[in-house]
Amino acid sequence: MASLTRIGAWLHARAENLLAAMLATMFVVFIVQIVFRYLLNFPIGWTHEISVIMWVWLVLFGTAFVVRDHEEIRFDLLYSTVSERTRRAMVVICAVTVVFFFAISLPAVLDYIGFMKVEKTAYLKIRFDWLYSIYGLFAVAMIVRQLWLGYQAIWGRPGDPIDVTKIKSGI
């Protein structure tokens, strides 16, 4: 089990590295876009295309593989005031709902991603199925994550006690 934990920690660190590279790419391309448009008076479109692609991948890849459940921003005013048992029930209900909707939409999502192989981006000519593939990975990751959260809520250890007087930033 310790070796799996080490492997998982290593994979998580590499996912964070990839996320940082995406953010750096988006930033550099954004600066290039500003220089070309406002200093050289020569607008270029590929920079906007890369920025949008990086943003979509950054959000979906980050949510699927980097952000942990306790780091997610949520409105927990009601959640923090109920008992541990009620919180577990809320987690199970939410997990079942999310798994249900993602699971019933997954075949259509995968079909749409496959269909988009006929379209390409305007400047870089990247196939849309490659660009949209991150959503398929995101959907599968959300199903797995919610199944795990539901399992933990039913059979796992009790959650950490909630102290509404302390503000946390996910740490």
N, C-alpha and C. Protein backbone atom coordinates (compact mmCIF):
# COMPACT_ATOMS: atom_id res chain seq x y z
N MET A 1 0.82 -1.20 0.00
CA MET A 1 0.00 0.00 0.00
C MET A 1 0.87 1.27 0.00
N ALA A 2 2.01 1.20 0.68
CA ALA A 2 2.90 2.36 0.73
C ALA A 2 3.46 2.67 -0.65
N SER A 3 3.75 1.63 -1.43
CA SER A 3 4.29 1.88 -2.77
C SER A 3 3.22 2.51 -3.67
N LEU A 4 1.96 2.10 -3.51
CA LEU A 4 0.88 2.73 -4.28
C LEU A 4 0.71 4.19 -3.89
N THR A 5 0.87 4.48 -2.62
CA THR A 5 0.77 5.86 -2.16
C THR A 5 1.89 6.71 -2.75
N ARG A 6 3.10 6.14 -2.79
CA ARG A 6 4.23 6.86 -3.39
C ARG A 6 4.02 7.09 -4.87
N ILE A 7 3.54 6.08 -5.56
CA ILE A 7 3.27 6.21 -7.00
C ILE A 7 2.19 7.26 -7.24
N GLY A 8 1.13 7.22 -6.43
CA GLY A 8 0.06 8.22 -6.54
C GLY A 8 0.58 9.62 -6.28
N ALA A 9 1.44 9.78 -5.28
CA ALA A 9 2.01 11.10 -4.97
C ALA A 9 2.89 11.59 -6.12
N TRP A 10 3.67 10.66 -6.71
CA TRP A 10 4.51 11.03 -7.85
C TRP A 10 3.66 11.45 -9.05
N LEU A 11 2.60 10.68 -9.34
CA LEU A 11 1.71 11.02 -10.46
C LEU A 11 1.03 12.37 -10.21
N HIS A 12 0.61 12.61 -8.97
CA HIS A 12 -0.03 13.88 -8.64
C HIS A 12 0.94 15.04 -8.84
N ALA A 13 2.19 14.85 -8.44
CA ALA A 13 3.20 15.90 -8.64
C ALA A 13 3.44 16.16 -10.13
N ARG A 14 3.46 15.10 -10.94
CA ARG A 14 3.64 15.29 -12.39
C ARG A 14 2.43 15.98 -13.00
N ALA A 15 1.24 15.68 -12.51
CA ALA A 15 0.04 16.37 -12.99
C ALA A 15 0.11 17.85 -12.63
N GLU A 16 0.59 18.17 -11.43
CA GLU A 16 0.77 19.57 -11.06
C GLU A 16 1.80 20.25 -11.96
N ASN A 17 2.89 19.52 -12.28
CA ASN A 17 3.90 20.07 -13.19
C ASN A 17 3.30 20.37 -14.56
N LEU A 18 2.49 19.45 -15.07
CA LEU A 18 1.84 19.64 -16.36
C LEU A 18 0.89 20.84 -16.31
N LEU A 19 0.18 20.97 -15.22
CA LEU A 19 -0.73 22.10 -15.05
C LEU A 19 0.04 23.42 -15.03
N ALA A 20 1.18 23.43 -14.34
CA ALA A 20 2.02 24.64 -14.31
C ALA A 20 2.55 24.96 -15.70
N ALA A 21 2.92 23.94 -16.47
CA ALA A 21 3.39 24.15 -17.84
C ALA A 21 2.28 24.74 -18.71
N MET A 22 1.05 24.26 -18.52
CA MET A 22 -0.07 24.81 -19.28
C MET A 22 -0.29 26.28 -18.94
N LEU A 23 -0.21 26.60 -17.65
CA LEU A 23 -0.39 27.98 -17.23
C LEU A 23 0.73 28.87 -17.77
N ALA A 24 1.96 28.38 -17.75
CA ALA A 24 3.09 29.14 -18.28
C ALA A 24 2.92 29.35 -19.78
N THR A 25 2.49 28.31 -20.49
CA THR A 25 2.27 28.43 -21.93
C THR A 25 1.21 29.48 -22.22
N MET A 26 0.12 29.42 -21.46
CA MET A 26 -0.96 30.39 -21.67
C MET A 26 -0.46 31.81 -21.41
N PHE A 27 0.34 31.99 -20.38
CA PHE A 27 0.86 33.32 -20.05
C PHE A 27 1.80 33.83 -21.14
N VAL A 28 2.74 33.01 -21.57
CA VAL A 28 3.70 33.43 -22.60
C VAL A 28 2.99 33.77 -23.90
N VAL A 29 2.04 32.94 -24.30
CA VAL A 29 1.31 33.19 -25.54
C VAL A 29 0.47 34.47 -25.42
N PHE A 30 -0.07 34.71 -24.25
CA PHE A 30 -0.83 35.93 -24.01
C PHE A 30 0.06 37.16 -24.16
N ILE A 31 1.27 37.10 -23.63
CA ILE A 31 2.21 38.22 -23.76
C ILE A 31 2.61 38.41 -25.23
N VAL A 32 2.85 37.30 -25.93
CA VAL A 32 3.17 37.39 -27.36
C VAL A 32 2.03 38.06 -28.12
N GLN A 33 0.80 37.69 -27.76
CA GLN A 33 -0.37 38.28 -28.42
C GLN A 33 -0.42 39.79 -28.19
N ILE A 34 -0.15 40.22 -26.98
CA ILE A 34 -0.16 41.66 -26.67
C ILE A 34 0.93 42.38 -27.45
N VAL A 35 2.13 41.82 -27.47
CA VAL A 35 3.25 42.45 -28.19
C VAL A 35 2.93 42.60 -29.68
N PHE A 36 2.45 41.51 -30.28
CA PHE A 36 2.15 41.57 -31.71
C PHE A 36 1.00 42.51 -32.03
N ARG A 37 -0.02 42.51 -31.19
CA ARG A 37 -1.19 43.33 -31.50
C ARG A 37 -0.96 44.81 -31.22
N TYR A 38 -0.38 45.14 -30.08
CA TYR A 38 -0.31 46.53 -29.67
C TYR A 38 1.04 47.20 -29.93
N LEU A 39 2.11 46.44 -29.95
CA LEU A 39 3.40 47.06 -30.22
C LEU A 39 3.80 46.98 -31.68
N LEU A 40 3.50 45.86 -32.31
CA LEU A 40 3.88 45.68 -33.70
C LEU A 40 2.73 45.95 -34.68
N ASN A 41 1.52 46.17 -34.11
CA ASN A 41 0.32 46.42 -34.92
C ASN A 41 0.11 45.32 -35.97
N PHE A 42 0.33 44.08 -35.52
CA PHE A 42 0.21 42.92 -36.40
C PHE A 42 -0.51 41.81 -35.63
N PRO A 43 -1.86 41.87 -35.56
CA PRO A 43 -2.59 40.87 -34.79
C PRO A 43 -2.41 39.46 -35.38
N ILE A 44 -2.22 38.51 -34.51
CA ILE A 44 -2.08 37.11 -34.92
C ILE A 44 -3.14 36.29 -34.19
N GLY A 45 -3.70 35.32 -34.87
CA GLY A 45 -4.81 34.55 -34.31
C GLY A 45 -4.41 33.31 -33.55
N TRP A 46 -3.27 32.74 -33.91
CA TRP A 46 -2.90 31.47 -33.27
C TRP A 46 -2.67 31.63 -31.77
N THR A 47 -2.29 32.84 -31.33
CA THR A 47 -2.06 33.05 -29.90
C THR A 47 -3.37 32.97 -29.12
N HIS A 48 -4.41 33.54 -29.69
CA HIS A 48 -5.72 33.45 -29.04
C HIS A 48 -6.18 31.99 -28.98
N GLU A 49 -5.96 31.26 -30.06
CA GLU A 49 -6.36 29.86 -30.12
C GLU A 49 -5.65 29.03 -29.04
N ILE A 50 -4.35 29.23 -28.90
CA ILE A 50 -3.60 28.50 -27.87
C ILE A 50 -4.05 28.90 -26.47
N SER A 51 -4.31 30.19 -26.26
CA SER A 51 -4.78 30.64 -24.94
C SER A 51 -6.09 29.97 -24.56
N VAL A 52 -7.02 29.91 -25.49
CA VAL A 52 -8.32 29.29 -25.22
C VAL A 52 -8.15 27.79 -24.96
N ILE A 53 -7.34 27.12 -25.77
CA ILE A 53 -7.11 25.68 -25.59
C ILE A 53 -6.47 25.42 -24.23
N MET A 54 -5.47 26.22 -23.88
CA MET A 54 -4.80 26.02 -22.59
C MET A 54 -5.76 26.27 -21.44
N TRP A 55 -6.64 27.26 -21.57
CA TRP A 55 -7.58 27.55 -20.49
C TRP A 55 -8.54 26.37 -20.29
N VAL A 56 -9.09 25.85 -21.37
CA VAL A 56 -10.02 24.73 -21.26
C VAL A 56 -9.31 23.52 -20.66
N TRP A 57 -8.13 23.21 -21.16
CA TRP A 57 -7.39 22.05 -20.64
C TRP A 57 -6.95 22.29 -19.20
N LEU A 58 -6.56 23.50 -18.87
CA LEU A 58 -6.14 23.83 -17.52
C LEU A 58 -7.26 23.58 -16.52
N VAL A 59 -8.44 24.06 -16.82
CA VAL A 59 -9.57 23.91 -15.91
C VAL A 59 -9.99 22.44 -15.79
N LEU A 60 -10.19 21.77 -16.92
CA LEU A 60 -10.69 20.40 -16.87
C LEU A 60 -9.64 19.41 -16.37
N PHE A 61 -8.39 19.53 -16.84
CA PHE A 61 -7.33 18.65 -16.38
C PHE A 61 -7.06 18.88 -14.89
N GLY A 62 -7.01 20.15 -14.50
CA GLY A 62 -6.78 20.47 -13.09
C GLY A 62 -7.86 19.93 -12.18
N THR A 63 -9.10 20.10 -12.57
CA THR A 63 -10.21 19.60 -11.77
C THR A 63 -10.21 18.08 -11.70
N ALA A 64 -9.88 17.44 -12.81
CA ALA A 64 -9.91 15.98 -12.85
C ALA A 64 -8.76 15.34 -12.11
N PHE A 65 -7.56 15.91 -12.19
CA PHE A 65 -6.38 15.19 -11.72
C PHE A 65 -5.55 15.90 -10.66
N VAL A 66 -5.80 17.16 -10.39
CA VAL A 66 -4.94 17.87 -9.44
C VAL A 66 -5.70 18.31 -8.20
N VAL A 67 -6.83 18.97 -8.37
CA VAL A 67 -7.58 19.50 -7.23
C VAL A 67 -8.15 18.35 -6.40
N ARG A 68 -7.86 18.39 -5.12
CA ARG A 68 -8.39 17.37 -4.21
C ARG A 68 -9.74 17.83 -3.69
N ASP A 69 -10.50 16.87 -3.17
CA ASP A 69 -11.86 17.20 -2.73
C ASP A 69 -11.88 18.28 -1.67
N HIS A 70 -10.97 18.21 -0.70
CA HIS A 70 -10.99 19.21 0.37
C HIS A 70 -10.50 20.58 -0.09
N GLU A 71 -9.93 20.67 -1.30
CA GLU A 71 -9.47 21.94 -1.84
C GLU A 71 -10.52 22.65 -2.68
N GLU A 72 -11.61 21.97 -2.97
CA GLU A 72 -12.65 22.58 -3.80
C GLU A 72 -13.38 23.67 -3.02
N ILE A 73 -13.74 24.70 -3.75
CA ILE A 73 -14.49 25.79 -3.14
C ILE A 73 -15.95 25.40 -3.14
N ARG A 74 -16.56 25.52 -2.00
CA ARG A 74 -17.98 25.17 -1.92
C ARG A 74 -18.68 26.04 -0.88
N PHE A 75 -19.96 26.14 -1.05
CA PHE A 75 -20.80 26.87 -0.10
C PHE A 75 -21.25 25.87 0.95
N ASP A 76 -20.60 25.90 2.11
CA ASP A 76 -20.86 24.86 3.08
C ASP A 76 -21.54 25.37 4.36
N LEU A 77 -22.29 26.44 4.24
CA LEU A 77 -22.97 26.98 5.40
C LEU A 77 -23.92 25.94 6.00
N LEU A 78 -24.72 25.29 5.18
CA LEU A 78 -25.64 24.27 5.66
C LEU A 78 -24.88 23.00 6.03
N TYR A 79 -23.94 22.60 5.21
CA TYR A 79 -23.16 21.38 5.41
C TYR A 79 -22.44 21.39 6.75
N SER A 80 -21.90 22.52 7.13
CA SER A 80 -21.12 22.59 8.36
C SER A 80 -21.99 22.62 9.61
N THR A 81 -23.28 22.84 9.48
CA THR A 81 -24.13 22.94 10.66
C THR A 81 -24.86 21.65 11.00
N VAL A 82 -24.80 20.65 10.12
CA VAL A 82 -25.53 19.41 10.37
C VAL A 82 -24.61 18.37 11.00
N SER A 83 -25.21 17.28 11.46
CA SER A 83 -24.45 16.22 12.11
C SER A 83 -23.58 15.45 11.11
N GLU A 84 -22.63 14.68 11.65
CA GLU A 84 -21.75 13.87 10.81
C GLU A 84 -22.56 12.90 9.95
N ARG A 85 -23.57 12.31 10.51
CA ARG A 85 -24.40 11.35 9.77
C ARG A 85 -25.13 12.03 8.60
N THR A 86 -25.66 13.21 8.86
CA THR A 86 -26.35 13.96 7.81
C THR A 86 -25.37 14.40 6.72
N ARG A 87 -24.16 14.81 7.13
CA ARG A 87 -23.13 15.18 6.14
C ARG A 87 -22.80 13.99 5.25
N ARG A 88 -22.67 12.82 5.84
CA ARG A 88 -22.38 11.62 5.05
C ARG A 88 -23.52 11.35 4.06
N ALA A 89 -24.76 11.51 4.52
CA ALA A 89 -25.90 11.30 3.63
C ALA A 89 -25.88 12.32 2.50
N MET A 90 -25.52 13.56 2.80
CA MET A 90 -25.45 14.59 1.77
C MET A 90 -24.37 14.24 0.73
N VAL A 91 -23.23 13.74 1.20
CA VAL A 91 -22.16 13.35 0.28
C VAL A 91 -22.62 12.20 -0.61
N VAL A 92 -23.29 11.21 -0.03
CA VAL A 92 -23.77 10.06 -0.81
C VAL A 92 -24.79 10.52 -1.85
N ILE A 93 -25.74 11.35 -1.46
CA ILE A 93 -26.75 11.84 -2.40
C ILE A 93 -26.09 12.62 -3.53
N CYS A 94 -25.16 13.49 -3.19
CA CYS A 94 -24.45 14.27 -4.21
C CYS A 94 -23.65 13.35 -5.13
N ALA A 95 -22.96 12.37 -4.55
CA ALA A 95 -22.14 11.45 -5.36
C ALA A 95 -23.01 10.64 -6.31
N VAL A 96 -24.11 10.13 -5.83
CA VAL A 96 -25.01 9.34 -6.68
C VAL A 96 -25.56 10.22 -7.81
N THR A 97 -25.93 11.44 -7.51
CA THR A 97 -26.46 12.35 -8.52
C THR A 97 -25.42 12.67 -9.59
N VAL A 98 -24.22 13.00 -9.15
CA VAL A 98 -23.16 13.34 -10.11
C VAL A 98 -22.80 12.14 -10.97
N VAL A 99 -22.65 10.97 -10.33
CA VAL A 99 -22.33 9.75 -11.10
C VAL A 99 -23.43 9.46 -12.10
N PHE A 100 -24.67 9.58 -11.68
CA PHE A 100 -25.80 9.30 -12.57
C PHE A 100 -25.75 10.20 -13.81
N PHE A 101 -25.63 11.51 -13.59
CA PHE A 101 -25.68 12.42 -14.74
C PHE A 101 -24.45 12.30 -15.63
N PHE A 102 -23.29 12.15 -15.05
CA PHE A 102 -22.10 11.97 -15.88
C PHE A 102 -22.17 10.64 -16.62
N ALA A 103 -22.65 9.59 -15.98
CA ALA A 103 -22.71 8.27 -16.62
C ALA A 103 -23.71 8.25 -17.77
N ILE A 104 -24.88 8.87 -17.59
CA ILE A 104 -25.84 8.85 -18.70
C ILE A 104 -25.41 9.75 -19.85
N SER A 105 -24.58 10.77 -19.56
CA SER A 105 -24.13 11.65 -20.64
C SER A 105 -22.85 11.13 -21.30
N LEU A 106 -22.15 10.22 -20.67
CA LEU A 106 -20.85 9.78 -21.19
C LEU A 106 -20.91 9.19 -22.60
N PRO A 107 -21.85 8.31 -22.93
CA PRO A 107 -21.89 7.80 -24.30
C PRO A 107 -22.06 8.91 -25.35
N ALA A 108 -22.93 9.86 -25.07
CA ALA A 108 -23.13 10.97 -26.01
C ALA A 108 -21.89 11.85 -26.09
N VAL A 109 -21.23 12.06 -24.97
CA VAL A 109 -20.01 12.87 -24.94
C VAL A 109 -18.93 12.20 -25.79
N LEU A 110 -18.72 10.91 -25.59
CA LEU A 110 -17.70 10.19 -26.35
C LEU A 110 -18.05 10.15 -27.84
N ASP A 111 -19.33 10.01 -28.14
CA ASP A 111 -19.77 10.03 -29.53
C ASP A 111 -19.50 11.39 -30.17
N TYR A 112 -19.78 12.46 -29.44
CA TYR A 112 -19.53 13.81 -29.95
C TYR A 112 -18.04 14.06 -30.15
N ILE A 113 -17.23 13.63 -29.18
CA ILE A 113 -15.78 13.79 -29.32
C ILE A 113 -15.30 13.07 -30.58
N GLY A 114 -15.78 11.85 -30.79
CA GLY A 114 -15.41 11.11 -31.99
C GLY A 114 -15.87 11.79 -33.26
N PHE A 115 -17.06 12.36 -33.22
CA PHE A 115 -17.62 13.06 -34.38
C PHE A 115 -16.79 14.29 -34.75
N MET A 116 -16.22 14.95 -33.76
CA MET A 116 -15.50 16.19 -34.00
C MET A 116 -14.15 16.01 -34.68
N LYS A 117 -13.79 14.76 -35.03
CA LYS A 117 -12.52 14.55 -35.73
C LYS A 117 -12.53 15.17 -37.13
N VAL A 118 -13.70 15.50 -37.63
CA VAL A 118 -13.79 16.09 -38.97
C VAL A 118 -13.51 17.59 -38.96
N GLU A 119 -13.53 18.22 -37.80
CA GLU A 119 -13.31 19.67 -37.69
C GLU A 119 -11.90 19.94 -37.16
N LYS A 120 -11.34 21.07 -37.59
CA LYS A 120 -10.02 21.50 -37.13
C LYS A 120 -10.07 22.96 -36.72
N THR A 121 -9.13 23.36 -35.88
CA THR A 121 -9.07 24.75 -35.46
C THR A 121 -8.67 25.63 -36.64
N ALA A 122 -8.99 26.89 -36.56
CA ALA A 122 -8.79 27.80 -37.68
C ALA A 122 -7.33 28.06 -38.01
N TYR A 123 -6.50 28.24 -37.03
CA TYR A 123 -5.11 28.63 -37.29
C TYR A 123 -4.14 27.46 -37.22
N LEU A 124 -4.23 26.67 -36.19
CA LEU A 124 -3.24 25.60 -35.98
C LEU A 124 -3.64 24.27 -36.59
N LYS A 125 -4.88 24.19 -37.07
CA LYS A 125 -5.39 22.98 -37.72
C LYS A 125 -5.31 21.75 -36.82
N ILE A 126 -5.59 21.95 -35.54
CA ILE A 126 -5.63 20.84 -34.58
C ILE A 126 -7.03 20.25 -34.62
N ARG A 127 -7.11 18.94 -34.70
CA ARG A 127 -8.42 18.29 -34.75
C ARG A 127 -9.17 18.51 -33.44
N PHE A 128 -10.46 18.81 -33.57
CA PHE A 128 -11.27 19.08 -32.39
C PHE A 128 -11.45 17.86 -31.50
N ASP A 129 -11.38 16.66 -32.04
CA ASP A 129 -11.51 15.51 -31.16
C ASP A 129 -10.34 15.43 -30.18
N TRP A 130 -9.15 15.88 -30.62
CA TRP A 130 -8.01 15.92 -29.70
C TRP A 130 -8.23 16.99 -28.64
N LEU A 131 -8.77 18.12 -29.03
CA LEU A 131 -9.00 19.21 -28.08
C LEU A 131 -10.10 18.87 -27.08
N TYR A 132 -11.16 18.24 -27.55
CA TYR A 132 -12.28 17.91 -26.67
C TYR A 132 -12.06 16.63 -25.87
N SER A 133 -11.02 15.88 -26.17
CA SER A 133 -10.79 14.63 -25.46
C SER A 133 -10.61 14.84 -23.97
N ILE A 134 -10.15 16.01 -23.57
CA ILE A 134 -9.98 16.27 -22.14
C ILE A 134 -11.31 16.20 -21.41
N TYR A 135 -12.40 16.54 -22.08
CA TYR A 135 -13.70 16.45 -21.40
C TYR A 135 -14.08 15.00 -21.13
N GLY A 136 -13.77 14.10 -22.03
CA GLY A 136 -14.02 12.68 -21.78
C GLY A 136 -13.23 12.19 -20.58
N LEU A 137 -11.96 12.58 -20.49
CA LEU A 137 -11.14 12.22 -19.33
C LEU A 137 -11.70 12.84 -18.06
N PHE A 138 -12.11 14.08 -18.16
CA PHE A 138 -12.71 14.77 -17.02
C PHE A 138 -13.97 14.05 -16.53
N ALA A 139 -14.83 13.68 -17.45
CA ALA A 139 -16.08 13.01 -17.08
C ALA A 139 -15.80 11.68 -16.38
N VAL A 140 -14.88 10.90 -16.92
CA VAL A 140 -14.53 9.61 -16.30
C VAL A 140 -13.90 9.85 -14.92
N ALA A 141 -13.02 10.83 -14.82
CA ALA A 141 -12.39 11.14 -13.54
C ALA A 141 -13.43 11.57 -12.51
N MET A 142 -14.43 12.33 -12.92
CA MET A 142 -15.47 12.77 -11.98
C MET A 142 -16.32 11.58 -11.51
N ILE A 143 -16.58 10.66 -12.41
CA ILE A 143 -17.34 9.46 -12.01
C ILE A 143 -16.54 8.68 -10.98
N VAL A 144 -15.27 8.45 -11.26
CA VAL A 144 -14.43 7.68 -10.33
C VAL A 144 -14.31 8.41 -9.00
N ARG A 145 -14.06 9.73 -9.05
CA ARG A 145 -13.92 10.50 -7.81
C ARG A 145 -15.18 10.46 -6.97
N GLN A 146 -16.34 10.62 -7.61
CA GLN A 146 -17.59 10.62 -6.85
C GLN A 146 -17.92 9.23 -6.30
N LEU A 147 -17.58 8.19 -7.06
CA LEU A 147 -17.77 6.84 -6.52
C LEU A 147 -16.91 6.65 -5.27
N TRP A 148 -15.68 7.13 -5.32
CA TRP A 148 -14.78 7.02 -4.17
C TRP A 148 -15.31 7.83 -2.98
N LEU A 149 -15.79 9.05 -3.23
CA LEU A 149 -16.33 9.86 -2.15
C LEU A 149 -17.58 9.23 -1.55
N GLY A 150 -18.44 8.68 -2.40
CA GLY A 150 -19.62 7.98 -1.89
C GLY A 150 -19.24 6.76 -1.07
N TYR A 151 -18.28 5.99 -1.55
CA TYR A 151 -17.78 4.82 -0.81
C TYR A 151 -17.24 5.24 0.55
N GLN A 152 -16.42 6.29 0.57
CA GLN A 152 -15.87 6.76 1.84
C GLN A 152 -16.96 7.26 2.78
N ALA A 153 -17.97 7.91 2.24
CA ALA A 153 -19.04 8.42 3.09
C ALA A 153 -19.83 7.29 3.71
N ILE A 154 -19.99 6.19 2.97
CA ILE A 154 -20.76 5.07 3.50
C ILE A 154 -19.92 4.20 4.43
N TRP A 155 -18.71 3.81 3.97
CA TRP A 155 -17.92 2.84 4.74
C TRP A 155 -16.59 3.38 5.26
N GLY A 156 -16.24 4.60 4.88
CA GLY A 156 -14.93 5.13 5.25
C GLY A 156 -14.90 5.70 6.65
N ARG A 157 -13.76 6.29 6.95
CA ARG A 157 -13.60 6.90 8.27
C ARG A 157 -14.42 8.19 8.33
N PRO A 158 -14.79 8.60 9.52
CA PRO A 158 -15.54 9.85 9.65
C PRO A 158 -14.70 11.03 9.18
N GLY A 159 -15.38 12.03 8.66
CA GLY A 159 -14.68 13.22 8.17
C GLY A 159 -14.11 14.03 9.32
N ASP A 160 -13.24 14.95 8.99
CA ASP A 160 -12.68 15.84 9.99
C ASP A 160 -13.78 16.72 10.55
N PRO A 161 -13.73 17.00 11.84
CA PRO A 161 -14.76 17.89 12.41
C PRO A 161 -14.66 19.27 11.77
N ILE A 162 -15.81 19.87 11.58
CA ILE A 162 -15.86 21.18 10.93
C ILE A 162 -15.89 22.26 12.00
N ASP A 163 -14.98 23.19 11.89
CA ASP A 163 -14.93 24.33 12.80
C ASP A 163 -15.23 25.57 11.97
N VAL A 164 -16.43 26.10 12.13
CA VAL A 164 -16.86 27.24 11.31
C VAL A 164 -16.15 28.52 11.70
N THR A 165 -15.41 28.52 12.82
CA THR A 165 -14.70 29.72 13.22
C THR A 165 -13.34 29.84 12.55
N LYS A 166 -12.91 28.79 11.84
CA LYS A 166 -11.63 28.81 11.15
C LYS A 166 -11.84 28.85 9.66
N ILE A 167 -11.10 29.72 9.01
CA ILE A 167 -11.15 29.81 7.55
C ILE A 167 -10.00 29.00 7.02
N LYS A 168 -10.32 28.10 6.08
CA LYS A 168 -9.27 27.26 5.50
C LYS A 168 -9.15 27.59 4.03
N SER A 169 -7.96 27.34 3.50
CA SER A 169 -7.72 27.54 2.07
C SER A 169 -7.44 26.23 1.38
N GLY A 170 -7.94 25.15 1.91
CA GLY A 170 -7.72 23.85 1.29
C GLY A 170 -6.50 23.12 1.82
N ILE A 171 -5.82 23.70 2.80
CA ILE A 171 -4.61 23.06 3.33
C ILE A 171 -4.93 22.29 4.59
